[in-house]
């Protein structure tokens, strides 16, 4: 059974940091591209960062968010620094290779004073 489990979300003040984790099981982890998405209330889900090819991130988070992966632990991380209220969203990880695609259940990140 394939599982992607996100963790590390929570409430943080503006300017603060969080590190999200996405732990995978049931897949041959190293061959999958793992991406982080987020979805704010009333908005479409958007790609935040990808570990595909060279790791990359959306313009809105460049210089603040960093994606990394540890294949030995079957885990991908999203280090988020300099958080802003507009970063408030549910954050999801997505694992994909070819036409195979899996989603986690999401973790809530709230940036508020």
PDB file of N, CA and C in Angstrom:
ATOM      1  N   UNK A   1       0.847  -1.193   0.000  1.00  0.00           N
ATOM      2  CA  UNK A   1       0.000   0.000   0.000  1.00  0.00           C
ATOM      3  C   UNK A   1       0.884   1.245   0.000  1.00  0.00           C
ATOM      4  N   UNK A   2       0.580   2.160  -0.923  1.00  0.00           N
ATOM      5  CA  UNK A   2       1.372   3.379  -1.035  1.00  0.00           C
ATOM      6  C   UNK A   2       0.848   4.419  -0.046  1.00  0.00           C
ATOM      7  N   UNK A   3       1.775   5.028   0.668  1.00  0.00           N
ATOM      8  CA  UNK A   3       1.400   6.114   1.568  1.00  0.00           C
ATOM      9  C   UNK A   3       2.397   7.252   1.458  1.00  0.00           C
ATOM     10  N   UNK A   4       1.866   8.461   1.416  1.00  0.00           N
ATOM     11  CA  UNK A   4       2.664   9.671   1.548  1.00  0.00           C
ATOM     12  C   UNK A   4       2.102  10.402   2.759  1.00  0.00           C
ATOM     13  N   UNK A   5       2.934  10.647   3.747  1.00  0.00           N
ATOM     14  CA  UNK A   5       2.466  11.266   4.984  1.00  0.00           C
ATOM     15  C   UNK A   5       3.237  12.553   5.221  1.00  0.00           C
ATOM     16  N   UNK A   6       2.505  13.673   5.156  1.00  0.00           N
ATOM     17  CA  UNK A   6       3.117  14.969   5.436  1.00  0.00           C
ATOM     18  C   UNK A   6       3.037  15.268   6.932  1.00  0.00           C
ATOM     19  N   UNK A   7       4.026  15.988   7.421  1.00  0.00           N
ATOM     20  CA  UNK A   7       4.024  16.421   8.814  1.00  0.00           C
ATOM     21  C   UNK A   7       4.838  17.707   8.927  1.00  0.00           C
ATOM     22  N   UNK A   8       4.722  18.353  10.079  1.00  0.00           N
ATOM     23  CA  UNK A   8       5.527  19.544  10.336  1.00  0.00           C
ATOM     24  C   UNK A   8       4.782  20.857  10.211  1.00  0.00           C
ATOM     25  N   UNK A   9       3.519  20.805   9.792  1.00  0.00           N
ATOM     26  CA  UNK A   9       2.751  22.035   9.690  1.00  0.00           C
ATOM     27  C   UNK A   9       2.383  22.575  11.063  1.00  0.00           C
ATOM     28  N   UNK A  10       1.792  23.769  11.059  1.00  0.00           N
ATOM     29  CA  UNK A  10       1.375  24.367  12.317  1.00  0.00           C
ATOM     30  C   UNK A  10       1.163  25.851  12.171  1.00  0.00           C
ATOM     31  N   UNK A  11       1.049  26.506  13.319  1.00  0.00           N
ATOM     32  CA  UNK A  11       0.846  27.950  13.369  1.00  0.00           C
ATOM     33  C   UNK A  11       2.192  28.612  13.647  1.00  0.00           C
ATOM     34  N   UNK A  12       2.536  29.603  12.847  1.00  0.00           N
ATOM     35  CA  UNK A  12       3.811  30.298  13.015  1.00  0.00           C
ATOM     36  C   UNK A  12       3.587  31.787  12.755  1.00  0.00           C
ATOM     37  N   UNK A  13       4.375  32.602  13.416  1.00  0.00           N
ATOM     38  CA  UNK A  13       4.275  34.049  13.209  1.00  0.00           C
ATOM     39  C   UNK A  13       4.971  34.455  11.911  1.00  0.00           C
ATOM     40  N   UNK A  14       4.554  35.578  11.323  1.00  0.00           N
ATOM     41  CA  UNK A  14       5.254  36.076  10.130  1.00  0.00           C
ATOM     42  C   UNK A  14       6.752  36.223  10.402  1.00  0.00           C
ATOM     43  N   UNK A  15       7.531  35.803   9.413  1.00  0.00           N
ATOM     44  CA  UNK A  15       8.977  35.808   9.547  1.00  0.00           C
ATOM     45  C   UNK A  15       9.541  34.533  10.121  1.00  0.00           C
ATOM     46  N   UNK A  16       8.689  33.661  10.611  1.00  0.00           N
ATOM     47  CA  UNK A  16       9.140  32.420  11.214  1.00  0.00           C
ATOM     48  C   UNK A  16       9.466  31.348  10.189  1.00  0.00           C
ATOM     49  N   UNK A  17       9.817  30.172  10.706  1.00  0.00           N
ATOM     50  CA  UNK A  17      10.226  29.052   9.861  1.00  0.00           C
ATOM     51  C   UNK A  17       9.499  27.777  10.263  1.00  0.00           C
ATOM     52  N   UNK A  18       9.343  26.912   9.297  1.00  0.00           N
ATOM     53  CA  UNK A  18       8.835  25.565   9.519  1.00  0.00           C
ATOM     54  C   UNK A  18       9.561  24.634   8.562  1.00  0.00           C
ATOM     55  N   UNK A  19       9.673  23.365   8.957  1.00  0.00           N
ATOM     56  CA  UNK A  19      10.174  22.359   8.039  1.00  0.00           C
ATOM     57  C   UNK A  19       9.118  21.276   7.891  1.00  0.00           C
ATOM     58  N   UNK A  20       8.637  21.112   6.687  1.00  0.00           N
ATOM     59  CA  UNK A  20       7.668  20.060   6.398  1.00  0.00           C
ATOM     60  C   UNK A  20       8.408  18.804   5.948  1.00  0.00           C
ATOM     61  N   UNK A  21       7.825  17.667   6.292  1.00  0.00           N
ATOM     62  CA  UNK A  21       8.366  16.381   5.862  1.00  0.00           C
ATOM     63  C   UNK A  21       7.295  15.611   5.104  1.00  0.00           C
ATOM     64  N   UNK A  22       7.724  14.854   4.129  1.00  0.00           N
ATOM     65  CA  UNK A  22       6.846  13.949   3.389  1.00  0.00           C
ATOM     66  C   UNK A  22       7.512  12.587   3.395  1.00  0.00           C
ATOM     67  N   UNK A  23       6.961  11.679   4.172  1.00  0.00           N
ATOM     68  CA  UNK A  23       7.523  10.335   4.294  1.00  0.00           C
ATOM     69  C   UNK A  23       6.731   9.380   3.413  1.00  0.00           C
ATOM     70  N   UNK A  24       7.441   8.654   2.565  1.00  0.00           N
ATOM     71  CA  UNK A  24       6.796   7.755   1.616  1.00  0.00           C
ATOM     72  C   UNK A  24       7.043   6.303   1.987  1.00  0.00           C
ATOM     73  N   UNK A  25       6.047   5.473   1.715  1.00  0.00           N
ATOM     74  CA  UNK A  25       6.195   4.031   1.878  1.00  0.00           C
ATOM     75  C   UNK A  25       5.423   3.345   0.763  1.00  0.00           C
ATOM     76  N   UNK A  26       5.861   2.138   0.434  1.00  0.00           N
ATOM     77  CA  UNK A  26       5.158   1.359  -0.586  1.00  0.00           C
ATOM     78  C   UNK A  26       5.556   1.686  -2.012  1.00  0.00           C
ATOM     79  N   UNK A  27       6.563   2.539  -2.195  1.00  0.00           N
ATOM     80  CA  UNK A  27       7.037   2.871  -3.538  1.00  0.00           C
ATOM     81  C   UNK A  27       8.554   2.759  -3.584  1.00  0.00           C
ATOM     82  N   UNK A  28       9.087   2.576  -4.808  1.00  0.00           N
ATOM     83  CA  UNK A  28      10.532   2.586  -5.011  1.00  0.00           C
ATOM     84  C   UNK A  28      10.934   4.048  -5.079  1.00  0.00           C
ATOM     85  N   UNK A  29      11.177   4.597  -3.904  1.00  0.00           N
ATOM     86  CA  UNK A  29      11.199   6.036  -3.687  1.00  0.00           C
ATOM     87  C   UNK A  29      12.142   6.775  -4.631  1.00  0.00           C
ATOM     88  N   UNK A  30      13.318   6.236  -4.840  1.00  0.00           N
ATOM     89  CA  UNK A  30      14.373   6.992  -5.520  1.00  0.00           C
ATOM     90  C   UNK A  30      14.036   7.311  -6.981  1.00  0.00           C
ATOM     91  N   UNK A  31      13.088   6.594  -7.584  1.00  0.00           N
ATOM     92  CA  UNK A  31      12.786   6.860  -8.994  1.00  0.00           C
ATOM     93  C   UNK A  31      11.671   7.888  -9.158  1.00  0.00           C
ATOM     94  N   UNK A  32      11.054   8.269  -8.053  1.00  0.00           N
ATOM     95  CA  UNK A  32       9.918   9.196  -8.125  1.00  0.00           C
ATOM     96  C   UNK A  32      10.380  10.638  -8.002  1.00  0.00           C
ATOM     97  N   UNK A  33       9.751  11.498  -8.780  1.00  0.00           N
ATOM     98  CA  UNK A  33       9.864  12.933  -8.564  1.00  0.00           C
ATOM     99  C   UNK A  33       8.875  13.293  -7.455  1.00  0.00           C
ATOM    100  N   UNK A  34       9.336  14.020  -6.474  1.00  0.00           N
ATOM    101  CA  UNK A  34       8.486  14.434  -5.359  1.00  0.00           C
ATOM    102  C   UNK A  34       8.344  15.950  -5.409  1.00  0.00           C
ATOM    103  N   UNK A  35       7.114  16.404  -5.446  1.00  0.00           N
ATOM    104  CA  UNK A  35       6.831  17.832  -5.490  1.00  0.00           C
ATOM    105  C   UNK A  35       6.053  18.243  -4.249  1.00  0.00           C
ATOM    106  N   UNK A  36       6.159  19.504  -3.907  1.00  0.00           N
ATOM    107  CA  UNK A  36       5.302  20.111  -2.877  1.00  0.00           C
ATOM    108  C   UNK A  36       4.332  21.068  -3.566  1.00  0.00           C
ATOM    109  N   UNK A  37       3.058  20.939  -3.217  1.00  0.00           N
ATOM    110  CA  UNK A  37       2.008  21.833  -3.670  1.00  0.00           C
ATOM    111  C   UNK A  37       1.379  22.482  -2.438  1.00  0.00           C
ATOM    112  N   UNK A  38       0.624  23.534  -2.689  1.00  0.00           N
ATOM    113  CA  UNK A  38      -0.179  24.104  -1.624  1.00  0.00           C
ATOM    114  C   UNK A  38      -1.505  24.589  -2.191  1.00  0.00           C
ATOM    115  N   UNK A  39      -2.479  24.640  -1.305  1.00  0.00           N
ATOM    116  CA  UNK A  39      -3.809  25.123  -1.690  1.00  0.00           C
ATOM    117  C   UNK A  39      -4.357  25.983  -0.573  1.00  0.00           C
ATOM    118  N   UNK A  40      -4.563  27.249  -0.892  1.00  0.00           N
ATOM    119  CA  UNK A  40      -5.158  28.176   0.054  1.00  0.00           C
ATOM    120  C   UNK A  40      -6.672  28.167  -0.139  1.00  0.00           C
ATOM    121  N   UNK A  41      -7.439  28.572   0.878  1.00  0.00           N
ATOM    122  CA  UNK A  41      -8.907  28.580   0.761  1.00  0.00           C
ATOM    123  C   UNK A  41      -9.360  29.401  -0.443  1.00  0.00           C
ATOM    124  N   UNK A  42     -10.214  28.808  -1.271  1.00  0.00           N
ATOM    125  CA  UNK A  42     -10.754  29.515  -2.419  1.00  0.00           C
ATOM    126  C   UNK A  42      -9.817  29.637  -3.593  1.00  0.00           C
ATOM    127  N   UNK A  43      -8.641  29.011  -3.506  1.00  0.00           N
ATOM    128  CA  UNK A  43      -7.663  29.113  -4.582  1.00  0.00           C
ATOM    129  C   UNK A  43      -7.332  27.732  -5.136  1.00  0.00           C
ATOM    130  N   UNK A  44      -6.763  27.732  -6.340  1.00  0.00           N
ATOM    131  CA  UNK A  44      -6.351  26.479  -6.937  1.00  0.00           C
ATOM    132  C   UNK A  44      -5.067  25.974  -6.295  1.00  0.00           C
ATOM    133  N   UNK A  45      -4.891  24.667  -6.359  1.00  0.00           N
ATOM    134  CA  UNK A  45      -3.645  24.087  -5.878  1.00  0.00           C
ATOM    135  C   UNK A  45      -2.509  24.545  -6.786  1.00  0.00           C
ATOM    136  N   UNK A  46      -1.394  24.934  -6.169  1.00  0.00           N
ATOM    137  CA  UNK A  46      -0.260  25.426  -6.952  1.00  0.00           C
ATOM    138  C   UNK A  46       1.019  24.698  -6.573  1.00  0.00           C
ATOM    139  N   UNK A  47       1.881  24.551  -7.566  1.00  0.00           N
ATOM    140  CA  UNK A  47       3.169  23.918  -7.336  1.00  0.00           C
ATOM    141  C   UNK A  47       4.077  24.888  -6.590  1.00  0.00           C
ATOM    142  N   UNK A  48       4.679  24.399  -5.515  1.00  0.00           N
ATOM    143  CA  UNK A  48       5.573  25.220  -4.704  1.00  0.00           C
ATOM    144  C   UNK A  48       7.027  24.913  -5.012  1.00  0.00           C
ATOM    145  N   UNK A  49       7.338  23.614  -5.053  1.00  0.00           N
ATOM    146  CA  UNK A  49       8.726  23.225  -5.277  1.00  0.00           C
ATOM    147  C   UNK A  49       8.759  21.805  -5.812  1.00  0.00           C
ATOM    148  N   UNK A  50       9.768  21.532  -6.619  1.00  0.00           N
ATOM    149  CA  UNK A  50       9.912  20.197  -7.184  1.00  0.00           C
ATOM    150  C   UNK A  50      11.331  19.692  -6.987  1.00  0.00           C
ATOM    151  N   UNK A  51      11.423  18.381  -6.766  1.00  0.00           N
ATOM    152  CA  UNK A  51      12.747  17.760  -6.671  1.00  0.00           C
ATOM    153  C   UNK A  51      13.128  17.115  -7.996  1.00  0.00           C
ATOM    154  N   UNK A  52      12.328  17.324  -9.034  1.00  0.00           N
ATOM    155  CA  UNK A  52      12.611  16.759 -10.339  1.00  0.00           C
ATOM    156  C   UNK A  52      13.759  17.465 -11.022  1.00  0.00           C
ATOM    157  N   UNK A  53      14.676  16.710 -11.601  1.00  0.00           N
ATOM    158  CA  UNK A  53      15.832  17.305 -12.248  1.00  0.00           C
ATOM    159  C   UNK A  53      16.597  18.098 -11.222  1.00  0.00           C
ATOM    160  N   UNK A  54      16.898  19.312 -11.504  1.00  0.00           N
ATOM    161  CA  UNK A  54      17.478  20.186 -10.483  1.00  0.00           C
ATOM    162  C   UNK A  54      16.328  20.705  -9.631  1.00  0.00           C
ATOM    163  N   UNK A  55      16.507  20.720  -8.348  1.00  0.00           N
ATOM    164  CA  UNK A  55      15.423  21.168  -7.486  1.00  0.00           C
ATOM    165  C   UNK A  55      15.074  22.610  -7.815  1.00  0.00           C
ATOM    166  N   UNK A  56      13.820  22.894  -7.768  1.00  0.00           N
ATOM    167  CA  UNK A  56      13.360  24.195  -8.213  1.00  0.00           C
ATOM    168  C   UNK A  56      12.171  24.611  -7.376  1.00  0.00           C
ATOM    169  N   UNK A  57      11.865  25.902  -7.360  1.00  0.00           N
ATOM    170  CA  UNK A  57      10.752  26.404  -6.571  1.00  0.00           C
ATOM    171  C   UNK A  57      10.044  27.516  -7.320  1.00  0.00           C
ATOM    172  N   UNK A  58       8.782  27.773  -6.924  1.00  0.00           N
ATOM    173  CA  UNK A  58       7.989  28.826  -7.553  1.00  0.00           C
ATOM    174  C   UNK A  58       8.583  30.198  -7.237  1.00  0.00           C
ATOM    175  N   UNK A  59       8.325  31.153  -8.119  1.00  0.00           N
ATOM    176  CA  UNK A  59       8.874  32.502  -7.928  1.00  0.00           C
ATOM    177  C   UNK A  59       8.434  33.099  -6.593  1.00  0.00           C
ATOM    178  N   UNK A  60       7.227  32.793  -6.167  1.00  0.00           N
ATOM    179  CA  UNK A  60       6.687  33.389  -4.942  1.00  0.00           C
ATOM    180  C   UNK A  60       7.425  32.923  -3.686  1.00  0.00           C
ATOM    181  N   UNK A  61       8.168  31.828  -3.793  1.00  0.00           N
ATOM    182  CA  UNK A  61       8.858  31.316  -2.606  1.00  0.00           C
ATOM    183  C   UNK A  61      10.369  31.245  -2.802  1.00  0.00           C
ATOM    184  N   UNK A  62      10.839  31.654  -3.968  1.00  0.00           N
ATOM    185  CA  UNK A  62      12.283  31.593  -4.245  1.00  0.00           C
ATOM    186  C   UNK A  62      13.055  32.391  -3.204  1.00  0.00           C
ATOM    187  N   UNK A  63      14.134  31.793  -2.761  1.00  0.00           N
ATOM    188  CA  UNK A  63      14.961  32.442  -1.756  1.00  0.00           C
ATOM    189  C   UNK A  63      14.463  32.241  -0.337  1.00  0.00           C
ATOM    190  N   UNK A  64      13.262  31.693  -0.188  1.00  0.00           N
ATOM    191  CA  UNK A  64      12.699  31.455   1.154  1.00  0.00           C
ATOM    192  C   UNK A  64      12.477  29.977   1.429  1.00  0.00           C
ATOM    193  N   UNK A  65      12.043  29.222   0.432  1.00  0.00           N
ATOM    194  CA  UNK A  65      11.739  27.799   0.593  1.00  0.00           C
ATOM    195  C   UNK A  65      12.802  26.970  -0.117  1.00  0.00           C
ATOM    196  N   UNK A  66      13.162  25.858   0.502  1.00  0.00           N
ATOM    197  CA  UNK A  66      14.140  24.952  -0.090  1.00  0.00           C
ATOM    198  C   UNK A  66      13.629  23.520   0.028  1.00  0.00           C
ATOM    199  N   UNK A  67      13.628  22.823  -1.103  1.00  0.00           N
ATOM    200  CA  UNK A  67      13.234  21.411  -1.103  1.00  0.00           C
ATOM    201  C   UNK A  67      14.489  20.550  -1.079  1.00  0.00           C
ATOM    202  N   UNK A  68      14.417  19.464  -0.351  1.00  0.00           N
ATOM    203  CA  UNK A  68      15.528  18.515  -0.331  1.00  0.00           C
ATOM    204  C   UNK A  68      14.949  17.120  -0.132  1.00  0.00           C
ATOM    205  N   UNK A  69      15.741  16.127  -0.468  1.00  0.00           N
ATOM    206  CA  UNK A  69      15.260  14.761  -0.296  1.00  0.00           C
ATOM    207  C   UNK A  69      16.362  13.894   0.276  1.00  0.00           C
ATOM    208  N   UNK A  70      15.936  12.898   1.048  1.00  0.00           N
ATOM    209  CA  UNK A  70      16.837  11.913   1.628  1.00  0.00           C
ATOM    210  C   UNK A  70      16.333  10.548   1.177  1.00  0.00           C
ATOM    211  N   UNK A  71      16.939   9.997   0.138  1.00  0.00           N
ATOM    212  CA  UNK A  71      16.460   8.731  -0.407  1.00  0.00           C
ATOM    213  C   UNK A  71      16.641   7.584   0.584  1.00  0.00           C
ATOM    214  N   UNK A  72      17.619   7.691   1.463  1.00  0.00           N
ATOM    215  CA  UNK A  72      17.828   6.636   2.459  1.00  0.00           C
ATOM    216  C   UNK A  72      16.673   6.579   3.457  1.00  0.00           C
ATOM    217  N   UNK A  73      16.006   7.717   3.651  1.00  0.00           N
ATOM    218  CA  UNK A  73      14.886   7.767   4.599  1.00  0.00           C
ATOM    219  C   UNK A  73      13.540   7.833   3.899  1.00  0.00           C
ATOM    220  N   UNK A  74      13.547   7.762   2.566  1.00  0.00           N
ATOM    221  CA  UNK A  74      12.290   7.864   1.793  1.00  0.00           C
ATOM    222  C   UNK A  74      11.512   9.120   2.177  1.00  0.00           C
ATOM    223  N   UNK A  75      12.220  10.212   2.324  1.00  0.00           N
ATOM    224  CA  UNK A  75      11.592  11.436   2.821  1.00  0.00           C
ATOM    225  C   UNK A  75      12.051  12.638   2.010  1.00  0.00           C
ATOM    226  N   UNK A  76      11.107  13.528   1.764  1.00  0.00           N
ATOM    227  CA  UNK A  76      11.390  14.822   1.143  1.00  0.00           C
ATOM    228  C   UNK A  76      11.005  15.904   2.130  1.00  0.00           C
ATOM    229  N   UNK A  77      11.799  16.945   2.165  1.00  0.00           N
ATOM    230  CA  UNK A  77      11.590  18.040   3.105  1.00  0.00           C
ATOM    231  C   UNK A  77      11.308  19.339   2.360  1.00  0.00           C
ATOM    232  N   UNK A  78      10.602  20.221   3.017  1.00  0.00           N
ATOM    233  CA  UNK A  78      10.428  21.581   2.530  1.00  0.00           C
ATOM    234  C   UNK A  78      10.762  22.520   3.685  1.00  0.00           C
ATOM    235  N   UNK A  79      11.923  23.136   3.591  1.00  0.00           N
ATOM    236  CA  UNK A  79      12.320  24.115   4.594  1.00  0.00           C
ATOM    237  C   UNK A  79      11.752  25.464   4.183  1.00  0.00           C
ATOM    238  N   UNK A  80      10.962  26.045   5.063  1.00  0.00           N
ATOM    239  CA  UNK A  80      10.286  27.305   4.764  1.00  0.00           C
ATOM    240  C   UNK A  80      10.757  28.356   5.758  1.00  0.00           C
ATOM    241  N   UNK A  81      11.415  29.369   5.236  1.00  0.00           N
ATOM    242  CA  UNK A  81      11.905  30.476   6.046  1.00  0.00           C
ATOM    243  C   UNK A  81      11.219  31.767   5.624  1.00  0.00           C
ATOM    244  N   UNK A  82      11.257  32.752   6.472  1.00  0.00           N
ATOM    245  CA  UNK A  82      10.655  34.037   6.128  1.00  0.00           C
ATOM    246  C   UNK A  82       9.191  33.925   5.767  1.00  0.00           C
ATOM    247  N   UNK A  83       8.451  33.145   6.536  1.00  0.00           N
ATOM    248  CA  UNK A  83       7.049  32.894   6.189  1.00  0.00           C
ATOM    249  C   UNK A  83       6.211  34.156   6.244  1.00  0.00           C
ATOM    250  N   UNK A  84       5.266  34.220   5.309  1.00  0.00           N
ATOM    251  CA  UNK A  84       4.366  35.363   5.170  1.00  0.00           C
ATOM    252  C   UNK A  84       2.923  34.886   5.329  1.00  0.00           C
ATOM    253  N   UNK A  85       2.013  35.780   5.702  1.00  0.00           N
ATOM    254  CA  UNK A  85       0.597  35.363   5.810  1.00  0.00           C
ATOM    255  C   UNK A  85       0.073  34.731   4.522  1.00  0.00           C
ATOM    256  N   UNK A  86       0.559  35.181   3.385  1.00  0.00           N
ATOM    257  CA  UNK A  86       0.087  34.609   2.120  1.00  0.00           C
ATOM    258  C   UNK A  86       0.607  33.202   1.861  1.00  0.00           C
ATOM    259  N   UNK A  87       1.473  32.712   2.707  1.00  0.00           N
ATOM    260  CA  UNK A  87       1.913  31.316   2.615  1.00  0.00           C
ATOM    261  C   UNK A  87       0.940  30.367   3.319  1.00  0.00           C
ATOM    262  N   UNK A  88      -0.062  30.920   3.977  1.00  0.00           N
ATOM    263  CA  UNK A  88      -1.049  30.095   4.662  1.00  0.00           C
ATOM    264  C   UNK A  88      -1.792  29.222   3.660  1.00  0.00           C
ATOM    265  N   UNK A  89      -1.774  27.921   3.896  1.00  0.00           N
ATOM    266  CA  UNK A  89      -2.383  26.970   2.961  1.00  0.00           C
ATOM    267  C   UNK A  89      -2.250  25.567   3.542  1.00  0.00           C
ATOM    268  N   UNK A  90      -2.929  24.625   2.896  1.00  0.00           N
ATOM    269  CA  UNK A  90      -2.647  23.215   3.134  1.00  0.00           C
ATOM    270  C   UNK A  90      -1.564  22.806   2.145  1.00  0.00           C
ATOM    271  N   UNK A  91      -0.513  22.195   2.670  1.00  0.00           N
ATOM    272  CA  UNK A  91       0.622  21.790   1.853  1.00  0.00           C
ATOM    273  C   UNK A  91       0.559  20.285   1.624  1.00  0.00           C
ATOM    274  N   UNK A  92       0.693  19.900   0.365  1.00  0.00           N
ATOM    275  CA  UNK A  92       0.609  18.499  -0.046  1.00  0.00           C
ATOM    276  C   UNK A  92       1.906  18.068  -0.714  1.00  0.00           C
ATOM    277  N   UNK A  93       2.283  16.820  -0.542  1.00  0.00           N
ATOM    278  CA  UNK A  93       3.352  16.291  -1.368  1.00  0.00           C
ATOM    279  C   UNK A  93       2.748  15.353  -2.419  1.00  0.00           C
ATOM    280  N   UNK A  94       3.422  15.309  -3.526  1.00  0.00           N
ATOM    281  CA  UNK A  94       2.984  14.525  -4.672  1.00  0.00           C
ATOM    282  C   UNK A  94       4.166  13.736  -5.204  1.00  0.00           C
ATOM    283  N   UNK A  95       3.976  12.447  -5.398  1.00  0.00           N
ATOM    284  CA  UNK A  95       5.026  11.588  -5.958  1.00  0.00           C
ATOM    285  C   UNK A  95       4.564  11.117  -7.326  1.00  0.00           C
ATOM    286  N   UNK A  96       5.407  11.291  -8.321  1.00  0.00           N
ATOM    287  CA  UNK A  96       4.990  10.881  -9.653  1.00  0.00           C
ATOM    288  C   UNK A  96       6.175  10.371 -10.463  1.00  0.00           C
ATOM    289  N   UNK A  97       5.857   9.391 -11.289  1.00  0.00           N
ATOM    290  CA  UNK A  97       6.797   8.884 -12.288  1.00  0.00           C
ATOM    291  C   UNK A  97       5.953   8.310 -13.415  1.00  0.00           C
ATOM    292  N   UNK A  98       6.229   8.718 -14.646  1.00  0.00           N
ATOM    293  CA  UNK A  98       5.388   8.315 -15.770  1.00  0.00           C
ATOM    294  C   UNK A  98       3.955   8.743 -15.518  1.00  0.00           C
ATOM    295  N   UNK A  99       3.028   7.816 -15.647  1.00  0.00           N
ATOM    296  CA  UNK A  99       1.611   8.140 -15.426  1.00  0.00           C
ATOM    297  C   UNK A  99       1.167   7.824 -13.999  1.00  0.00           C
ATOM    298  N   UNK A 100       2.083   7.351 -13.186  1.00  0.00           N
ATOM    299  CA  UNK A 100       1.763   7.015 -11.802  1.00  0.00           C
ATOM    300  C   UNK A 100       1.894   8.250 -10.928  1.00  0.00           C
ATOM    301  N   UNK A 101       0.900   8.446 -10.083  1.00  0.00           N
ATOM    302  CA  UNK A 101       0.796   9.709  -9.350  1.00  0.00           C
ATOM    303  C   UNK A 101       0.143   9.439  -7.987  1.00  0.00           C
ATOM    304  N   UNK A 102       0.804   9.888  -6.914  1.00  0.00           N
ATOM    305  CA  UNK A 102       0.242   9.705  -5.569  1.00  0.00           C
ATOM    306  C   UNK A 102       0.265  11.034  -4.821  1.00  0.00           C
ATOM    307  N   UNK A 103      -0.750  11.221  -3.961  1.00  0.00           N
ATOM    308  CA  UNK A 103      -0.846  12.428  -3.136  1.00  0.00           C
ATOM    309  C   UNK A 103      -0.888  12.054  -1.663  1.00  0.00           C
ATOM    310  N   UNK A 104      -0.345  12.921  -0.853  1.00  0.00           N
ATOM    311  CA  UNK A 104      -0.530  12.810   0.586  1.00  0.00           C
ATOM    312  C   UNK A 104      -1.813  13.505   1.000  1.00  0.00           C
ATOM    313  N   UNK A 105      -2.088  13.464   2.309  1.00  0.00           N
ATOM    314  CA  UNK A 105      -3.349  14.015   2.817  1.00  0.00           C
ATOM    315  C   UNK A 105      -3.249  15.497   3.136  1.00  0.00           C
ATOM    316  N   UNK A 106      -2.018  16.016   3.183  1.00  0.00           N
ATOM    317  CA  UNK A 106      -1.819  17.435   3.419  1.00  0.00           C
ATOM    318  C   UNK A 106      -1.547  17.775   4.872  1.00  0.00           C
ATOM    319  N   UNK A 107      -0.869  18.903   5.070  1.00  0.00           N
ATOM    320  CA  UNK A 107      -0.615  19.432   6.408  1.00  0.00           C
ATOM    321  C   UNK A 107      -0.864  20.936   6.366  1.00  0.00           C
ATOM    322  N   UNK A 108      -1.560  21.435   7.381  1.00  0.00           N
ATOM    323  CA  UNK A 108      -1.953  22.838   7.413  1.00  0.00           C
ATOM    324  C   UNK A 108      -0.797  23.706   7.904  1.00  0.00           C
ATOM    325  N   UNK A 109      -0.537  24.778   7.169  1.00  0.00           N
ATOM    326  CA  UNK A 109       0.413  25.802   7.592  1.00  0.00           C
ATOM    327  C   UNK A 109      -0.351  27.115   7.703  1.00  0.00           C
ATOM    328  N   UNK A 110      -0.293  27.719   8.874  1.00  0.00           N
ATOM    329  CA  UNK A 110      -0.961  28.987   9.108  1.00  0.00           C
ATOM    330  C   UNK A 110       0.066  29.996   9.587  1.00  0.00           C
ATOM    331  N   UNK A 111       0.160  31.115   8.863  1.00  0.00           N
ATOM    332  CA  UNK A 111       1.107  32.171   9.222  1.00  0.00           C
ATOM    333  C   UNK A 111       0.293  33.373   9.690  1.00  0.00           C
ATOM    334  N   UNK A 112       0.381  33.644  10.966  1.00  0.00           N
ATOM    335  CA  UNK A 112      -0.443  34.706  11.538  1.00  0.00           C
ATOM    336  C   UNK A 112       0.175  35.198  12.836  1.00  0.00           C
ATOM    337  N   UNK A 113      -0.022  36.480  13.103  1.00  0.00           N
ATOM    338  CA  UNK A 113       0.424  37.037  14.376  1.00  0.00           C
ATOM    339  C   UNK A 113      -0.708  37.022  15.395  1.00  0.00           C
TER     340      UNK A 113
END
